[in-house]
């Protein structure tokens, strides 16, 4: 029989999709006041993988990822509160017509996978609490990321996979420095 042991904390990151004129520093100031300092920020790159967001947010959207130094608990309350807080941020930054100028997709990196936090239910999503679900998005196996049938196409791009690999490496170093590996 296996032994019950506590879960390791996980690496919080947020994928940030935004209009090119959005003052990203305003979001960073709020985010770091809640989740602490960043230990990673990707380059900003063009987001052209889908036109899904264009009716609300307009064309020529940008994307980047940020990772936080402080690790977070995997308990449902913590994870749900992160998604709920990012939704509050999105509302805070609405334009004069009530449209989003930023879309925030929080998730966590473990040594074995990436899980996104979402408000949308589906067959491959696990309910956490307060209307928030966790989605197993990609798996890490031996030397790289592996897609699942529902993995978003942009998570298969080298750009995204390099981001996830860097976040995973940072996380692994943190676990090693804590003596948990």
Protein backbone atom coordinates (compact mmCIF):
# COMPACT_ATOMS: atom_id res chain seq x y z
CA UNK A 1 0.00 0.00 0.00
CA UNK A 2 1.26 3.47 -0.83
CA UNK A 3 1.97 6.00 1.87
CA UNK A 4 -0.03 9.20 2.06
CA UNK A 5 2.20 12.25 1.86
CA UNK A 6 1.47 15.93 1.43
CA UNK A 7 1.27 17.39 -2.06
CA UNK A 8 4.18 19.48 -3.23
CA UNK A 9 3.42 23.15 -3.85
CA UNK A 10 3.26 24.07 -7.54
CA UNK A 11 4.49 26.84 -9.83
CA UNK A 12 1.89 29.49 -10.61
CA UNK A 13 1.95 31.15 -14.01
CA UNK A 14 -0.44 33.33 -15.95
CA UNK A 15 -0.84 33.48 -19.70
CA UNK A 16 -1.70 37.06 -20.59
CA UNK A 17 -3.45 37.91 -23.84
CA UNK A 18 -3.88 41.65 -24.36
CA UNK A 19 -4.42 44.52 -26.73
CA UNK A 20 -1.17 46.04 -27.91
CA UNK A 21 -1.95 49.38 -26.20
CA UNK A 22 -2.73 47.76 -22.83
CA UNK A 23 -0.42 48.97 -20.07
CA UNK A 24 0.82 45.56 -19.00
CA UNK A 25 2.74 47.05 -16.07
CA UNK A 26 -0.58 47.87 -14.36
CA UNK A 27 -1.50 44.20 -14.34
CA UNK A 28 1.96 43.19 -13.12
CA UNK A 29 1.77 45.64 -10.22
CA UNK A 30 -1.55 44.17 -9.06
CA UNK A 31 -0.53 40.57 -9.64
CA UNK A 32 2.76 40.84 -7.74
CA UNK A 33 0.98 42.57 -4.84
CA UNK A 34 -1.08 39.38 -4.42
CA UNK A 35 1.15 36.50 -5.53
CA UNK A 36 4.60 37.98 -4.95
CA UNK A 37 7.56 38.64 -7.20
CA UNK A 38 7.97 37.22 -10.65
CA UNK A 39 10.81 34.86 -11.40
CA UNK A 40 9.95 34.65 -15.09
CA UNK A 41 8.49 36.82 -17.82
CA UNK A 42 8.45 35.64 -21.41
CA UNK A 43 8.93 37.80 -24.44
CA UNK A 44 5.77 39.39 -25.79
CA UNK A 45 4.74 37.79 -29.04
CA UNK A 46 1.95 38.16 -31.58
CA UNK A 47 -1.12 36.04 -30.93
CA UNK A 48 -2.48 34.79 -34.23
CA UNK A 49 -3.56 31.24 -33.42
CA UNK A 50 -7.27 31.94 -33.33
CA UNK A 51 -9.64 34.80 -34.02
CA UNK A 52 -11.86 33.76 -31.11
CA UNK A 53 -11.01 36.85 -29.03
CA UNK A 54 -11.09 39.44 -31.83
CA UNK A 55 -14.83 40.33 -31.67
CA UNK A 56 -14.38 41.48 -28.08
CA UNK A 57 -10.73 42.46 -27.86
CA UNK A 58 -9.91 43.50 -31.42
CA UNK A 59 -7.15 42.37 -33.79
CA UNK A 60 -3.35 42.27 -33.40
CA UNK A 61 -3.38 40.83 -29.90
CA UNK A 62 -0.21 40.15 -27.93
CA UNK A 63 0.62 37.31 -25.55
CA UNK A 64 3.15 36.69 -22.84
CA UNK A 65 3.55 34.50 -19.79
CA UNK A 66 4.62 35.36 -16.27
CA UNK A 67 5.73 32.95 -13.56
CA UNK A 68 5.73 33.67 -9.85
CA UNK A 69 8.54 32.97 -7.43
CA UNK A 70 6.20 31.91 -4.62
CA UNK A 71 4.90 28.39 -5.03
CA UNK A 72 1.21 27.77 -4.33
CA UNK A 73 -0.82 25.01 -2.76
CA UNK A 74 -2.77 22.59 -4.91
CA UNK A 75 -5.84 22.70 -2.71
CA UNK A 76 -9.09 23.55 -4.47
CA UNK A 77 -9.64 26.76 -2.49
CA UNK A 78 -6.25 28.21 -3.43
CA UNK A 79 -6.49 27.30 -7.11
CA UNK A 80 -10.08 28.54 -7.44
CA UNK A 81 -9.21 31.81 -5.71
CA UNK A 82 -6.42 32.43 -8.23
CA UNK A 83 -8.78 32.10 -11.19
CA UNK A 84 -11.44 34.22 -9.48
CA UNK A 85 -8.87 36.94 -8.79
CA UNK A 86 -7.69 36.98 -12.42
CA UNK A 87 -11.31 37.41 -13.47
CA UNK A 88 -11.59 40.40 -11.12
CA UNK A 89 -8.52 41.87 -12.80
CA UNK A 90 -10.06 41.43 -16.24
CA UNK A 91 -13.14 43.37 -15.08
CA UNK A 92 -10.96 46.08 -13.54
CA UNK A 93 -9.35 46.71 -16.92
CA UNK A 94 -12.51 46.74 -19.09
CA UNK A 95 -12.57 49.48 -21.73
CA UNK A 96 -15.21 52.22 -21.90
CA UNK A 97 -17.52 49.93 -23.87
CA UNK A 98 -17.29 47.12 -21.33
CA UNK A 99 -14.97 44.93 -23.43
CA UNK A 100 -11.95 43.12 -22.12
CA UNK A 101 -8.54 44.48 -23.05
CA UNK A 102 -6.76 41.63 -21.30
CA UNK A 103 -7.57 37.92 -20.95
CA UNK A 104 -5.77 36.16 -18.09
CA UNK A 105 -5.34 32.40 -18.06
CA UNK A 106 -3.76 31.17 -14.82
CA UNK A 107 -2.29 27.74 -14.52
CA UNK A 108 0.22 25.68 -12.60
CA UNK A 109 3.29 23.76 -13.64
CA UNK A 110 4.36 20.57 -11.90
CA UNK A 111 7.24 18.28 -12.77
CA UNK A 112 4.75 16.14 -14.70
CA UNK A 113 2.17 18.42 -16.27
CA UNK A 114 0.54 21.79 -16.80
CA UNK A 115 -2.94 22.46 -15.52
CA UNK A 116 -5.00 25.48 -16.54
CA UNK A 117 -7.73 26.98 -14.38
CA UNK A 118 -11.01 27.77 -16.13
CA UNK A 119 -14.67 28.62 -15.65
CA UNK A 120 -15.74 26.32 -18.48
CA UNK A 121 -16.84 22.78 -17.70
CA UNK A 122 -16.13 19.91 -20.08
CA UNK A 123 -15.46 16.18 -19.98
CA UNK A 124 -11.73 16.53 -19.29
CA UNK A 125 -12.03 19.19 -16.56
CA UNK A 126 -12.21 18.57 -12.84
CA UNK A 127 -14.42 20.75 -10.62
CA UNK A 128 -12.51 22.54 -7.87
CA UNK A 129 -15.01 24.90 -6.22
CA UNK A 130 -16.94 28.14 -6.78
CA UNK A 131 -17.48 27.35 -10.48
CA UNK A 132 -13.78 26.88 -11.22
CA UNK A 133 -12.34 23.82 -12.97
CA UNK A 134 -8.85 22.45 -13.48
CA UNK A 135 -7.80 21.20 -16.89
CA UNK A 136 -4.88 18.87 -17.45
CA UNK A 137 -3.49 20.60 -20.55
CA UNK A 138 -0.14 18.96 -21.40
CA UNK A 139 2.03 16.23 -19.89
CA UNK A 140 5.78 16.23 -19.39
CA UNK A 141 7.43 12.93 -20.25
CA UNK A 142 11.20 12.34 -20.22
CA UNK A 143 12.39 15.18 -22.44
CA UNK A 144 9.38 17.12 -23.55
CA UNK A 145 5.75 18.11 -23.50
CA UNK A 146 3.08 15.80 -24.85
CA UNK A 147 -0.30 16.92 -26.11
CA UNK A 148 -3.62 15.45 -25.10
CA UNK A 149 -6.64 15.26 -27.41
CA UNK A 150 -7.97 18.56 -26.02
CA UNK A 151 -4.68 20.48 -25.81
CA UNK A 152 -5.02 23.97 -27.28
CA UNK A 153 -3.08 24.15 -30.58
CA UNK A 154 -0.95 27.07 -29.40
CA UNK A 155 0.37 24.94 -26.52
CA UNK A 156 1.96 22.72 -29.17
CA UNK A 157 4.07 25.57 -30.57
CA UNK A 158 7.77 25.72 -29.76
CA UNK A 159 7.29 29.21 -28.32
CA UNK A 160 4.84 27.98 -25.69
CA UNK A 161 6.71 24.76 -25.02
CA UNK A 162 9.92 26.72 -24.42
CA UNK A 163 8.05 28.89 -21.91
CA UNK A 164 6.67 25.83 -20.14
CA UNK A 165 10.10 24.19 -20.09
CA UNK A 166 11.66 27.28 -18.52
CA UNK A 167 8.89 27.45 -15.90
CA UNK A 168 9.39 23.75 -15.17
CA UNK A 169 13.16 24.19 -14.82
CA UNK A 170 12.68 27.12 -12.42
CA UNK A 171 10.20 25.03 -10.43
CA UNK A 172 12.58 22.07 -10.25
CA UNK A 173 15.38 24.30 -8.94
CA UNK A 174 13.01 25.64 -6.30
CA UNK A 175 12.04 22.15 -5.17
CA UNK A 176 15.71 21.14 -5.03
CA UNK A 177 16.57 24.19 -2.92
CA UNK A 178 13.71 23.26 -0.55
CA UNK A 179 15.17 19.76 -0.24
CA UNK A 180 12.05 18.09 -1.58
CA UNK A 181 13.76 16.41 -4.55
